[in-house]
Amino acid sequence: MPKIVCLSDTHNCNEQIAVPDGDILIHAGDATIRGTQFEVEEFLQWFSSLPHKYKIFVAGNHDWLYETNNRFARLLTAKFNIKYLQDSFVEIENTKIYGSPWQPRFYDWAFNLRRGEEIAEKWKMIPADTDILVTHGPPHEILDLTPNGDSAGCEELRKAIERIRPKAHIFGHIHSGYGTSEKFNVKFINASICDESYSPTNSPIVFDI
């Protein structure tokens, strides 16, 4: 069974993070602060240098290049032998991994959609046989509490997960939600590395399928 290493919200702290060994390395977005080409290239160089056989990236709301110049960003990512997922999937060692960068509107950042029907259309695209789901944002009331105690996760995403029941759901976005949980036979992982002060205080999370 593949060993999966999970990261999210590294925000340019690349070299400060001790990444454990594993087979599949998954980053759930917010690799950068402003999503400039320079920041993205710095991240991709670091990410590609890690020894894991397979590397998967899903953009986050800070990773602007993937929204403003998507074709270029995809080509750049592929150049570094990293699989970028945007409403798409990859199958690795009989494990189907689906990724999507969207989240409910969050200020004026990238990959924002309105709660309700608009964002639900994206979650309808998730295949029913998905083993691992990777999104930037969390589902509603699962590892999604802000420092103010508000649940920032997506209600429609939670409905989709309850319907599909993947083996695992990996995300970040809400730094204060870091950790793991299990509900309806799904392993949930908020892999945010940075805390609220954008310091890389959390460790990558490792699990087996």
N, C-alpha and C. Protein backbone atom coordinates (compact mmCIF):
# COMPACT_ATOMS: atom_id res chain seq x y z
N MET A 1 0.84 -1.19 0.00
CA MET A 1 0.00 0.00 0.00
C MET A 1 0.89 1.26 0.00
N PRO A 2 0.54 2.27 -0.81
CA PRO A 2 1.39 3.47 -0.84
C PRO A 2 1.29 4.28 0.45
N LYS A 3 2.44 4.84 0.85
CA LYS A 3 2.49 5.76 1.99
C LYS A 3 2.34 7.17 1.44
N ILE A 4 1.38 7.91 1.97
CA ILE A 4 1.05 9.24 1.44
C ILE A 4 1.46 10.32 2.43
N VAL A 5 2.17 11.32 1.95
CA VAL A 5 2.63 12.44 2.76
C VAL A 5 1.84 13.69 2.34
N CYS A 6 1.24 14.36 3.31
CA CYS A 6 0.32 15.47 3.03
C CYS A 6 0.87 16.80 3.52
N LEU A 7 0.79 17.80 2.64
CA LEU A 7 1.18 19.18 2.96
C LEU A 7 0.11 20.13 2.47
N SER A 8 0.03 21.29 3.08
CA SER A 8 -0.79 22.37 2.56
C SER A 8 -0.32 23.67 3.19
N ASP A 9 -0.64 24.78 2.58
CA ASP A 9 -0.39 26.11 3.17
C ASP A 9 1.05 26.24 3.67
N THR A 10 1.99 26.01 2.77
CA THR A 10 3.40 26.15 3.11
C THR A 10 3.89 27.59 2.92
N HIS A 11 3.21 28.39 2.12
CA HIS A 11 3.41 29.84 2.01
C HIS A 11 4.89 30.26 1.95
N ASN A 12 5.60 29.71 0.97
CA ASN A 12 7.00 30.09 0.70
C ASN A 12 7.99 29.65 1.77
N CYS A 13 7.58 28.80 2.70
CA CYS A 13 8.48 28.35 3.76
C CYS A 13 9.24 27.08 3.38
N ASN A 14 9.32 26.83 2.11
CA ASN A 14 9.79 25.56 1.55
C ASN A 14 10.90 24.86 2.33
N GLU A 15 12.08 25.46 2.39
CA GLU A 15 13.25 24.80 2.95
C GLU A 15 13.17 24.62 4.47
N GLN A 16 12.22 25.30 5.10
CA GLN A 16 12.09 25.19 6.56
C GLN A 16 11.29 23.96 7.00
N ILE A 17 10.74 23.22 6.02
CA ILE A 17 9.85 22.11 6.32
C ILE A 17 10.59 20.79 6.20
N ALA A 18 10.52 19.97 7.24
CA ALA A 18 11.10 18.62 7.20
C ALA A 18 10.03 17.67 6.67
N VAL A 19 10.21 17.22 5.44
CA VAL A 19 9.21 16.38 4.79
C VAL A 19 9.59 14.90 4.95
N PRO A 20 8.73 14.10 5.57
CA PRO A 20 9.04 12.67 5.76
C PRO A 20 9.06 11.91 4.44
N ASP A 21 9.69 10.76 4.45
CA ASP A 21 9.70 9.89 3.28
C ASP A 21 8.30 9.31 3.04
N GLY A 22 8.05 8.94 1.80
CA GLY A 22 6.79 8.31 1.44
C GLY A 22 6.77 8.04 -0.05
N ASP A 23 5.66 7.51 -0.52
CA ASP A 23 5.53 7.18 -1.93
C ASP A 23 4.86 8.29 -2.73
N ILE A 24 3.79 8.85 -2.18
CA ILE A 24 3.02 9.90 -2.87
C ILE A 24 3.04 11.15 -2.00
N LEU A 25 3.48 12.26 -2.58
CA LEU A 25 3.52 13.55 -1.88
C LEU A 25 2.42 14.43 -2.43
N ILE A 26 1.51 14.87 -1.56
CA ILE A 26 0.36 15.67 -1.98
C ILE A 26 0.38 17.03 -1.29
N HIS A 27 0.27 18.09 -2.08
CA HIS A 27 0.19 19.45 -1.56
C HIS A 27 -1.18 20.03 -1.93
N ALA A 28 -1.93 20.45 -0.90
CA ALA A 28 -3.31 20.89 -1.12
C ALA A 28 -3.46 22.40 -1.26
N GLY A 29 -2.41 23.08 -1.68
CA GLY A 29 -2.56 24.48 -2.06
C GLY A 29 -2.01 25.51 -1.09
N ASP A 30 -1.94 26.76 -1.59
CA ASP A 30 -1.29 27.87 -0.89
C ASP A 30 0.18 27.57 -0.65
N ALA A 31 0.84 27.25 -1.75
CA ALA A 31 2.29 27.07 -1.73
C ALA A 31 2.99 28.42 -1.64
N THR A 32 2.29 29.49 -2.01
CA THR A 32 2.89 30.82 -2.11
C THR A 32 2.14 31.83 -1.24
N ILE A 33 2.59 33.07 -1.31
CA ILE A 33 1.89 34.18 -0.63
C ILE A 33 1.07 34.97 -1.64
N ARG A 34 1.72 35.38 -2.74
CA ARG A 34 1.04 36.21 -3.74
C ARG A 34 0.84 35.50 -5.07
N GLY A 35 1.37 34.31 -5.21
CA GLY A 35 1.15 33.54 -6.44
C GLY A 35 1.85 34.09 -7.65
N THR A 36 3.00 34.76 -7.45
CA THR A 36 3.76 35.28 -8.58
C THR A 36 4.50 34.14 -9.28
N GLN A 37 4.93 34.39 -10.50
CA GLN A 37 5.68 33.37 -11.22
C GLN A 37 6.95 33.00 -10.47
N PHE A 38 7.63 33.99 -9.90
CA PHE A 38 8.85 33.72 -9.15
C PHE A 38 8.57 32.79 -7.97
N GLU A 39 7.53 33.09 -7.19
CA GLU A 39 7.19 32.26 -6.04
C GLU A 39 6.83 30.84 -6.47
N VAL A 40 6.03 30.74 -7.53
CA VAL A 40 5.61 29.42 -8.01
C VAL A 40 6.83 28.60 -8.46
N GLU A 41 7.74 29.22 -9.19
CA GLU A 41 8.93 28.51 -9.66
C GLU A 41 9.80 28.07 -8.48
N GLU A 42 9.94 28.93 -7.47
CA GLU A 42 10.71 28.56 -6.27
C GLU A 42 10.09 27.34 -5.59
N PHE A 43 8.76 27.35 -5.49
CA PHE A 43 8.07 26.22 -4.88
C PHE A 43 8.27 24.95 -5.71
N LEU A 44 8.06 25.04 -7.01
CA LEU A 44 8.15 23.86 -7.87
C LEU A 44 9.55 23.26 -7.85
N GLN A 45 10.58 24.10 -7.82
CA GLN A 45 11.94 23.60 -7.75
C GLN A 45 12.16 22.81 -6.46
N TRP A 46 11.67 23.38 -5.35
CA TRP A 46 11.82 22.69 -4.06
C TRP A 46 11.01 21.39 -4.04
N PHE A 47 9.76 21.48 -4.44
CA PHE A 47 8.84 20.33 -4.39
C PHE A 47 9.37 19.19 -5.26
N SER A 48 9.86 19.53 -6.43
CA SER A 48 10.36 18.51 -7.36
C SER A 48 11.65 17.87 -6.86
N SER A 49 12.38 18.57 -5.99
CA SER A 49 13.65 18.04 -5.49
C SER A 49 13.46 16.98 -4.41
N LEU A 50 12.25 16.88 -3.86
CA LEU A 50 11.99 15.91 -2.80
C LEU A 50 11.97 14.50 -3.40
N PRO A 51 12.33 13.48 -2.61
CA PRO A 51 12.60 12.15 -3.18
C PRO A 51 11.37 11.29 -3.48
N HIS A 52 10.17 11.74 -3.17
CA HIS A 52 8.97 10.93 -3.36
C HIS A 52 8.75 10.62 -4.84
N LYS A 53 8.31 9.41 -5.12
CA LYS A 53 8.16 8.96 -6.51
C LYS A 53 7.09 9.75 -7.25
N TYR A 54 5.97 10.02 -6.57
CA TYR A 54 4.86 10.75 -7.20
C TYR A 54 4.60 12.04 -6.43
N LYS A 55 4.36 13.13 -7.17
CA LYS A 55 4.10 14.42 -6.54
C LYS A 55 2.87 15.04 -7.17
N ILE A 56 1.94 15.47 -6.31
CA ILE A 56 0.66 16.01 -6.76
C ILE A 56 0.45 17.37 -6.11
N PHE A 57 -0.04 18.32 -6.91
CA PHE A 57 -0.29 19.68 -6.40
C PHE A 57 -1.67 20.15 -6.83
N VAL A 58 -2.39 20.74 -5.88
CA VAL A 58 -3.66 21.41 -6.13
C VAL A 58 -3.49 22.86 -5.67
N ALA A 59 -3.84 23.82 -6.49
CA ALA A 59 -3.63 25.24 -6.14
C ALA A 59 -4.57 25.68 -5.03
N GLY A 60 -4.16 26.76 -4.35
CA GLY A 60 -4.99 27.38 -3.32
C GLY A 60 -5.29 28.83 -3.64
N ASN A 61 -5.97 29.50 -2.74
CA ASN A 61 -6.43 30.86 -3.03
C ASN A 61 -5.28 31.88 -3.13
N HIS A 62 -4.11 31.55 -2.62
CA HIS A 62 -2.95 32.44 -2.76
C HIS A 62 -2.19 32.20 -4.08
N ASP A 63 -2.42 31.07 -4.70
CA ASP A 63 -1.61 30.67 -5.86
C ASP A 63 -2.18 31.24 -7.16
N TRP A 64 -2.12 32.56 -7.27
CA TRP A 64 -2.80 33.30 -8.33
C TRP A 64 -2.41 32.87 -9.74
N LEU A 65 -1.17 32.50 -9.95
CA LEU A 65 -0.71 32.19 -11.31
C LEU A 65 -1.57 31.10 -11.94
N TYR A 66 -2.08 30.17 -11.12
CA TYR A 66 -2.88 29.06 -11.64
C TYR A 66 -4.28 29.49 -12.05
N GLU A 67 -4.69 30.70 -11.65
CA GLU A 67 -5.97 31.22 -12.14
C GLU A 67 -5.76 32.25 -13.24
N THR A 68 -4.78 33.14 -13.09
CA THR A 68 -4.61 34.22 -14.06
C THR A 68 -3.92 33.77 -15.34
N ASN A 69 -3.06 32.76 -15.24
CA ASN A 69 -2.36 32.24 -16.42
C ASN A 69 -2.29 30.71 -16.30
N ASN A 70 -3.46 30.10 -16.35
CA ASN A 70 -3.58 28.69 -16.04
C ASN A 70 -2.78 27.80 -16.98
N ARG A 71 -2.83 28.09 -18.26
CA ARG A 71 -2.12 27.24 -19.23
C ARG A 71 -0.62 27.27 -18.97
N PHE A 72 -0.08 28.46 -18.75
CA PHE A 72 1.35 28.59 -18.48
C PHE A 72 1.71 27.87 -17.18
N ALA A 73 0.90 28.05 -16.14
CA ALA A 73 1.17 27.43 -14.84
C ALA A 73 1.16 25.91 -14.95
N ARG A 74 0.21 25.38 -15.72
CA ARG A 74 0.14 23.92 -15.91
C ARG A 74 1.39 23.40 -16.61
N LEU A 75 1.81 24.09 -17.67
CA LEU A 75 3.00 23.68 -18.41
C LEU A 75 4.24 23.75 -17.53
N LEU A 76 4.32 24.80 -16.72
CA LEU A 76 5.45 24.97 -15.83
C LEU A 76 5.51 23.84 -14.80
N THR A 77 4.36 23.49 -14.25
CA THR A 77 4.29 22.42 -13.26
C THR A 77 4.68 21.08 -13.87
N ALA A 78 4.18 20.82 -15.07
CA ALA A 78 4.51 19.57 -15.76
C ALA A 78 6.01 19.48 -16.07
N LYS A 79 6.62 20.62 -16.34
CA LYS A 79 8.05 20.66 -16.62
C LYS A 79 8.86 20.11 -15.43
N PHE A 80 8.33 20.32 -14.24
CA PHE A 80 9.00 19.84 -13.02
C PHE A 80 8.55 18.43 -12.63
N ASN A 81 7.83 17.78 -13.53
CA ASN A 81 7.36 16.41 -13.30
C ASN A 81 6.45 16.31 -12.08
N ILE A 82 5.61 17.33 -11.91
CA ILE A 82 4.61 17.37 -10.84
C ILE A 82 3.24 17.35 -11.49
N LYS A 83 2.35 16.53 -10.96
CA LYS A 83 1.00 16.42 -11.51
C LYS A 83 0.10 17.47 -10.87
N TYR A 84 -0.40 18.39 -11.70
CA TYR A 84 -1.32 19.41 -11.20
C TYR A 84 -2.75 18.96 -11.46
N LEU A 85 -3.58 19.00 -10.42
CA LEU A 85 -4.98 18.59 -10.54
C LEU A 85 -5.90 19.79 -10.36
N GLN A 86 -6.72 20.03 -11.37
CA GLN A 86 -7.75 21.06 -11.29
C GLN A 86 -9.02 20.50 -11.91
N ASP A 87 -9.90 20.03 -11.04
CA ASP A 87 -11.12 19.34 -11.48
C ASP A 87 -10.75 18.16 -12.37
N SER A 88 -9.75 17.41 -11.92
CA SER A 88 -9.24 16.28 -12.69
C SER A 88 -8.65 15.25 -11.72
N PHE A 89 -8.31 14.08 -12.28
CA PHE A 89 -7.80 13.03 -11.42
C PHE A 89 -6.58 12.36 -12.04
N VAL A 90 -5.88 11.60 -11.19
CA VAL A 90 -4.78 10.77 -11.63
C VAL A 90 -4.90 9.45 -10.87
N GLU A 91 -4.52 8.37 -11.50
CA GLU A 91 -4.56 7.07 -10.85
C GLU A 91 -3.14 6.58 -10.63
N ILE A 92 -2.80 6.32 -9.37
CA ILE A 92 -1.45 5.90 -8.99
C ILE A 92 -1.55 4.64 -8.15
N GLU A 93 -0.92 3.58 -8.60
CA GLU A 93 -0.91 2.30 -7.87
C GLU A 93 -2.32 1.91 -7.42
N ASN A 94 -3.22 1.93 -8.38
CA ASN A 94 -4.63 1.55 -8.16
C ASN A 94 -5.37 2.46 -7.18
N THR A 95 -4.83 3.66 -6.98
CA THR A 95 -5.48 4.65 -6.11
C THR A 95 -5.88 5.85 -6.95
N LYS A 96 -7.18 6.16 -6.99
CA LYS A 96 -7.68 7.27 -7.80
C LYS A 96 -7.72 8.54 -6.94
N ILE A 97 -6.95 9.55 -7.37
CA ILE A 97 -6.82 10.80 -6.63
C ILE A 97 -7.41 11.93 -7.47
N TYR A 98 -8.38 12.63 -6.89
CA TYR A 98 -9.06 13.74 -7.58
C TYR A 98 -8.75 15.04 -6.85
N GLY A 99 -8.46 16.08 -7.61
CA GLY A 99 -8.12 17.37 -7.00
C GLY A 99 -8.90 18.54 -7.56
N SER A 100 -9.19 19.53 -6.68
CA SER A 100 -9.92 20.73 -7.10
C SER A 100 -9.54 21.90 -6.19
N PRO A 101 -9.27 23.08 -6.76
CA PRO A 101 -8.78 24.21 -5.96
C PRO A 101 -9.85 25.14 -5.39
N TRP A 102 -11.10 24.94 -5.73
CA TRP A 102 -12.14 25.93 -5.41
C TRP A 102 -12.51 25.94 -3.93
N GLN A 103 -12.95 27.13 -3.47
CA GLN A 103 -13.48 27.24 -2.11
C GLN A 103 -14.56 28.33 -2.09
N PRO A 104 -15.43 28.31 -1.07
CA PRO A 104 -16.42 29.40 -0.96
C PRO A 104 -15.71 30.74 -0.89
N ARG A 105 -16.36 31.77 -1.43
CA ARG A 105 -15.74 33.09 -1.55
C ARG A 105 -15.03 33.49 -0.26
N PHE A 106 -13.75 33.85 -0.42
CA PHE A 106 -12.89 34.20 0.71
C PHE A 106 -12.16 35.48 0.34
N TYR A 107 -12.70 36.62 0.77
CA TYR A 107 -12.19 37.93 0.37
C TYR A 107 -12.10 37.97 -1.16
N ASP A 108 -11.03 38.52 -1.72
CA ASP A 108 -10.91 38.62 -3.18
C ASP A 108 -9.71 37.82 -3.68
N TRP A 109 -9.56 36.60 -3.15
CA TRP A 109 -8.45 35.76 -3.54
C TRP A 109 -8.83 34.88 -4.74
N ALA A 110 -7.91 34.02 -5.13
CA ALA A 110 -8.11 33.17 -6.30
C ALA A 110 -9.08 32.02 -6.00
N PHE A 111 -9.65 31.47 -7.06
CA PHE A 111 -10.50 30.27 -7.02
C PHE A 111 -11.69 30.40 -6.06
N ASN A 112 -12.29 31.58 -6.06
CA ASN A 112 -13.48 31.83 -5.24
C ASN A 112 -14.76 31.52 -6.03
N LEU A 113 -15.71 30.88 -5.37
CA LEU A 113 -17.04 30.68 -5.93
C LEU A 113 -18.07 30.93 -4.84
N ARG A 114 -19.27 31.29 -5.24
CA ARG A 114 -20.33 31.54 -4.26
C ARG A 114 -20.80 30.23 -3.64
N ARG A 115 -21.12 30.29 -2.36
CA ARG A 115 -21.70 29.13 -1.68
C ARG A 115 -23.02 28.75 -2.34
N GLY A 116 -23.37 27.49 -2.23
CA GLY A 116 -24.63 27.05 -2.81
C GLY A 116 -24.44 26.46 -4.19
N GLU A 117 -25.32 26.80 -5.09
CA GLU A 117 -25.39 26.14 -6.40
C GLU A 117 -24.12 26.29 -7.22
N GLU A 118 -23.50 27.49 -7.17
CA GLU A 118 -22.32 27.72 -8.02
C GLU A 118 -21.18 26.76 -7.66
N ILE A 119 -20.86 26.66 -6.39
CA ILE A 119 -19.75 25.77 -6.01
C ILE A 119 -20.17 24.30 -6.05
N ALA A 120 -21.46 24.02 -5.85
CA ALA A 120 -21.95 22.64 -5.92
C ALA A 120 -21.70 22.04 -7.30
N GLU A 121 -21.73 22.87 -8.33
CA GLU A 121 -21.48 22.38 -9.69
C GLU A 121 -20.07 21.80 -9.82
N LYS A 122 -19.12 22.37 -9.11
CA LYS A 122 -17.75 21.83 -9.14
C LYS A 122 -17.69 20.47 -8.44
N TRP A 123 -18.39 20.36 -7.31
CA TRP A 123 -18.33 19.10 -6.55
C TRP A 123 -19.09 17.97 -7.25
N LYS A 124 -20.01 18.31 -8.13
CA LYS A 124 -20.69 17.28 -8.91
C LYS A 124 -19.74 16.57 -9.88
N MET A 125 -18.59 17.20 -10.14
CA MET A 125 -17.62 16.63 -11.08
C MET A 125 -16.75 15.55 -10.44
N ILE A 126 -16.79 15.43 -9.12
CA ILE A 126 -15.94 14.44 -8.44
C ILE A 126 -16.43 13.03 -8.77
N PRO A 127 -15.58 12.18 -9.32
CA PRO A 127 -16.02 10.82 -9.67
C PRO A 127 -16.45 10.02 -8.44
N ALA A 128 -17.44 9.19 -8.63
CA ALA A 128 -17.98 8.39 -7.52
C ALA A 128 -16.98 7.38 -7.00
N ASP A 129 -15.98 7.00 -7.81
CA ASP A 129 -15.01 6.00 -7.38
C ASP A 129 -13.69 6.62 -6.91
N THR A 130 -13.74 7.88 -6.49
CA THR A 130 -12.54 8.56 -5.97
C THR A 130 -12.08 7.91 -4.67
N ASP A 131 -10.79 7.60 -4.59
CA ASP A 131 -10.21 7.06 -3.36
C ASP A 131 -9.70 8.16 -2.44
N ILE A 132 -9.00 9.13 -3.02
CA ILE A 132 -8.49 10.26 -2.24
C ILE A 132 -8.95 11.55 -2.91
N LEU A 133 -9.60 12.39 -2.13
CA LEU A 133 -10.04 13.70 -2.61
C LEU A 133 -9.10 14.75 -2.04
N VAL A 134 -8.63 15.65 -2.91
CA VAL A 134 -7.78 16.75 -2.48
C VAL A 134 -8.44 18.05 -2.90
N THR A 135 -8.80 18.88 -1.93
CA THR A 135 -9.32 20.21 -2.21
C THR A 135 -8.52 21.20 -1.38
N HIS A 136 -8.57 22.47 -1.77
CA HIS A 136 -7.84 23.42 -0.93
C HIS A 136 -8.58 23.68 0.38
N GLY A 137 -9.89 23.83 0.30
CA GLY A 137 -10.67 24.16 1.48
C GLY A 137 -11.31 22.95 2.13
N PRO A 138 -11.71 23.08 3.40
CA PRO A 138 -12.33 21.97 4.12
C PRO A 138 -13.83 21.88 3.89
N PRO A 139 -14.41 20.74 4.24
CA PRO A 139 -15.87 20.63 4.26
C PRO A 139 -16.41 21.27 5.54
N HIS A 140 -17.68 21.57 5.52
CA HIS A 140 -18.32 22.26 6.65
C HIS A 140 -18.22 21.44 7.94
N GLU A 141 -17.79 22.11 9.00
CA GLU A 141 -17.73 21.55 10.36
C GLU A 141 -16.79 20.35 10.50
N ILE A 142 -15.77 20.30 9.64
CA ILE A 142 -14.73 19.28 9.78
C ILE A 142 -13.37 19.96 9.67
N LEU A 143 -12.67 20.11 10.78
CA LEU A 143 -11.35 20.74 10.82
C LEU A 143 -11.36 22.09 10.10
N ASP A 144 -12.42 22.86 10.33
CA ASP A 144 -12.59 24.13 9.60
C ASP A 144 -12.82 25.32 10.52
N LEU A 145 -12.54 25.18 11.82
CA LEU A 145 -12.81 26.28 12.74
C LEU A 145 -11.74 27.36 12.63
N THR A 146 -12.18 28.60 12.45
CA THR A 146 -11.27 29.74 12.44
C THR A 146 -10.93 30.11 13.89
N PRO A 147 -9.94 30.97 14.11
CA PRO A 147 -9.62 31.40 15.47
C PRO A 147 -10.80 32.06 16.18
N ASN A 148 -11.75 32.57 15.43
CA ASN A 148 -12.96 33.17 16.03
C ASN A 148 -14.02 32.14 16.36
N GLY A 149 -13.77 30.87 16.02
CA GLY A 149 -14.72 29.81 16.31
C GLY A 149 -15.78 29.62 15.25
N ASP A 150 -15.58 30.24 14.07
CA ASP A 150 -16.54 30.08 12.97
C ASP A 150 -16.17 28.87 12.12
N SER A 151 -17.17 28.15 11.61
CA SER A 151 -16.95 27.06 10.67
C SER A 151 -16.91 27.62 9.25
N ALA A 152 -15.72 27.61 8.66
CA ALA A 152 -15.53 28.24 7.35
C ALA A 152 -15.66 27.27 6.19
N GLY A 153 -15.84 25.97 6.49
CA GLY A 153 -15.88 24.97 5.44
C GLY A 153 -17.12 25.05 4.56
N CYS A 154 -17.06 24.31 3.46
CA CYS A 154 -18.10 24.34 2.43
C CYS A 154 -19.18 23.29 2.70
N GLU A 155 -20.42 23.76 2.79
CA GLU A 155 -21.55 22.87 3.03
C GLU A 155 -21.76 21.91 1.86
N GLU A 156 -21.63 22.41 0.64
CA GLU A 156 -21.86 21.57 -0.53
C GLU A 156 -20.76 20.52 -0.70
N LEU A 157 -19.56 20.85 -0.29
CA LEU A 157 -18.47 19.89 -0.35
C LEU A 157 -18.73 18.75 0.63
N ARG A 158 -19.22 19.09 1.80
CA ARG A 158 -19.53 18.03 2.78
C ARG A 158 -20.61 17.09 2.24
N LYS A 159 -21.62 17.64 1.60
CA LYS A 159 -22.67 16.80 1.01
C LYS A 159 -22.08 15.84 -0.02
N ALA A 160 -21.16 16.36 -0.84
CA ALA A 160 -20.56 15.53 -1.88
C ALA A 160 -19.73 14.40 -1.25
N ILE A 161 -19.01 14.70 -0.18
CA ILE A 161 -18.19 13.69 0.48
C ILE A 161 -19.07 12.62 1.13
N GLU A 162 -20.15 13.05 1.74
CA GLU A 162 -21.06 12.08 2.36
C GLU A 162 -21.66 11.15 1.31
N ARG A 163 -21.81 11.67 0.09
CA ARG A 163 -22.36 10.86 -1.00
C ARG A 163 -21.31 9.91 -1.58
N ILE A 164 -20.09 10.40 -1.78
CA ILE A 164 -19.05 9.64 -2.47
C ILE A 164 -18.29 8.71 -1.52
N ARG A 165 -18.05 9.18 -0.30
CA ARG A 165 -17.30 8.42 0.72
C ARG A 165 -15.92 7.98 0.22
N PRO A 166 -15.04 8.94 -0.11
CA PRO A 166 -13.67 8.53 -0.45
C PRO A 166 -12.98 7.97 0.79
N LYS A 167 -11.88 7.30 0.60
CA LYS A 167 -11.14 6.77 1.75
C LYS A 167 -10.52 7.91 2.58
N ALA A 168 -10.11 8.99 1.87
CA ALA A 168 -9.48 10.11 2.56
C ALA A 168 -9.78 11.41 1.83
N HIS A 169 -9.82 12.49 2.60
CA HIS A 169 -9.98 13.84 2.06
C HIS A 169 -8.89 14.72 2.65
N ILE A 170 -8.04 15.28 1.79
CA ILE A 170 -6.90 16.10 2.20
C ILE A 170 -7.18 17.55 1.80
N PHE A 171 -6.91 18.49 2.70
CA PHE A 171 -7.17 19.90 2.44
C PHE A 171 -6.31 20.75 3.37
N GLY A 172 -6.51 22.06 3.34
CA GLY A 172 -5.82 23.01 4.22
C GLY A 172 -6.68 24.25 4.37
N HIS A 173 -6.12 25.41 3.97
CA HIS A 173 -6.83 26.69 3.90
C HIS A 173 -7.07 27.32 5.28
N ILE A 174 -7.68 26.59 6.19
CA ILE A 174 -7.92 27.09 7.54
C ILE A 174 -6.79 26.59 8.43
N HIS A 175 -5.80 27.44 8.63
CA HIS A 175 -4.58 27.03 9.33
C HIS A 175 -4.88 26.47 10.72
N SER A 176 -5.81 27.09 11.40
CA SER A 176 -6.12 26.70 12.78
C SER A 176 -6.83 25.35 12.86
N GLY A 177 -7.23 24.79 11.72
CA GLY A 177 -7.91 23.49 11.70
C GLY A 177 -6.97 22.32 11.54
N TYR A 178 -5.66 22.56 11.58
CA TYR A 178 -4.67 21.50 11.37
C TYR A 178 -4.96 20.26 12.22
N GLY A 179 -4.83 19.10 11.58
CA GLY A 179 -5.02 17.84 12.30
C GLY A 179 -5.80 16.84 11.48
N THR A 180 -6.24 15.78 12.14
CA THR A 180 -6.98 14.71 11.47
C THR A 180 -8.28 14.42 12.22
N SER A 181 -9.21 13.84 11.48
CA SER A 181 -10.50 13.44 12.05
C SER A 181 -11.06 12.32 11.19
N GLU A 182 -12.04 11.60 11.72
CA GLU A 182 -12.67 10.54 10.93
C GLU A 182 -14.17 10.59 11.15
N LYS A 183 -14.91 10.66 10.05
CA LYS A 183 -16.37 10.64 10.08
C LYS A 183 -16.86 9.84 8.89
N PHE A 184 -17.98 9.17 9.06
CA PHE A 184 -18.59 8.32 8.04
C PHE A 184 -17.56 7.57 7.20
N ASN A 185 -16.60 6.93 7.91
CA ASN A 185 -15.57 6.09 7.30
C ASN A 185 -14.65 6.82 6.33
N VAL A 186 -14.54 8.14 6.50
CA VAL A 186 -13.62 8.94 5.69
C VAL A 186 -12.57 9.53 6.63
N LYS A 187 -11.29 9.41 6.25
CA LYS A 187 -10.22 10.04 7.01
C LYS A 187 -10.03 11.46 6.49
N PHE A 188 -10.19 12.44 7.36
CA PHE A 188 -10.04 13.85 6.99
C PHE A 188 -8.71 14.36 7.51
N ILE A 189 -7.98 15.08 6.65
CA ILE A 189 -6.66 15.60 7.00
C ILE A 189 -6.56 17.07 6.61
N ASN A 190 -6.46 17.93 7.62
CA ASN A 190 -6.11 19.33 7.36
C ASN A 190 -4.60 19.42 7.54
N ALA A 191 -3.90 19.54 6.43
CA ALA A 191 -2.44 19.45 6.43
C ALA A 191 -1.75 20.80 6.41
N SER A 192 -2.40 21.85 6.91
CA SER A 192 -1.81 23.19 6.93
C SER A 192 -0.51 23.20 7.72
N ILE A 193 0.57 23.57 7.07
CA ILE A 193 1.87 23.63 7.74
C ILE A 193 2.03 24.92 8.53
N CYS A 194 1.57 26.03 7.96
CA CYS A 194 1.73 27.33 8.63
C CYS A 194 0.60 27.58 9.63
N ASP A 195 0.95 28.31 10.71
CA ASP A 195 -0.06 28.73 11.67
C ASP A 195 -0.65 30.06 11.24
N GLU A 196 -1.40 30.70 12.12
CA GLU A 196 -2.06 31.96 11.77
C GLU A 196 -1.06 33.08 11.49
N SER A 197 0.15 32.94 11.99
CA SER A 197 1.20 33.95 11.76
C SER A 197 2.08 33.60 10.57
N TYR A 198 1.67 32.59 9.81
CA TYR A 198 2.41 32.14 8.62
C TYR A 198 3.79 31.60 8.99
N SER A 199 3.90 31.04 10.20
CA SER A 199 5.11 30.34 10.60
C SER A 199 4.90 28.84 10.41
N PRO A 200 5.88 28.12 9.87
CA PRO A 200 5.70 26.69 9.57
C PRO A 200 5.86 25.83 10.83
N THR A 201 4.87 25.90 11.70
CA THR A 201 4.96 25.24 13.01
C THR A 201 4.41 23.80 13.00
N ASN A 202 3.63 23.43 11.99
CA ASN A 202 3.02 22.10 11.94
C ASN A 202 3.82 21.16 11.04
N SER A 203 3.71 19.88 11.33
CA SER A 203 4.45 18.86 10.56
C SER A 203 3.57 18.27 9.47
N PRO A 204 4.16 17.83 8.37
CA PRO A 204 3.40 17.08 7.37
C PRO A 204 2.75 15.85 8.01
N ILE A 205 1.62 15.44 7.46
CA ILE A 205 0.87 14.31 7.99
C ILE A 205 1.02 13.12 7.03
N VAL A 206 1.33 11.95 7.60
CA VAL A 206 1.58 10.75 6.82
C VAL A 206 0.51 9.70 7.12
N PHE A 207 0.01 9.05 6.09
CA PHE A 207 -0.94 7.96 6.30
C PHE A 207 -0.82 6.94 5.16
N ASP A 208 -1.39 5.77 5.39
CA ASP A 208 -1.42 4.71 4.39
C ASP A 208 -2.84 4.48 3.93
N ILE A 209 -2.99 4.14 2.66
CA ILE A 209 -4.29 3.72 2.14
C ILE A 209 -4.31 2.20 2.18
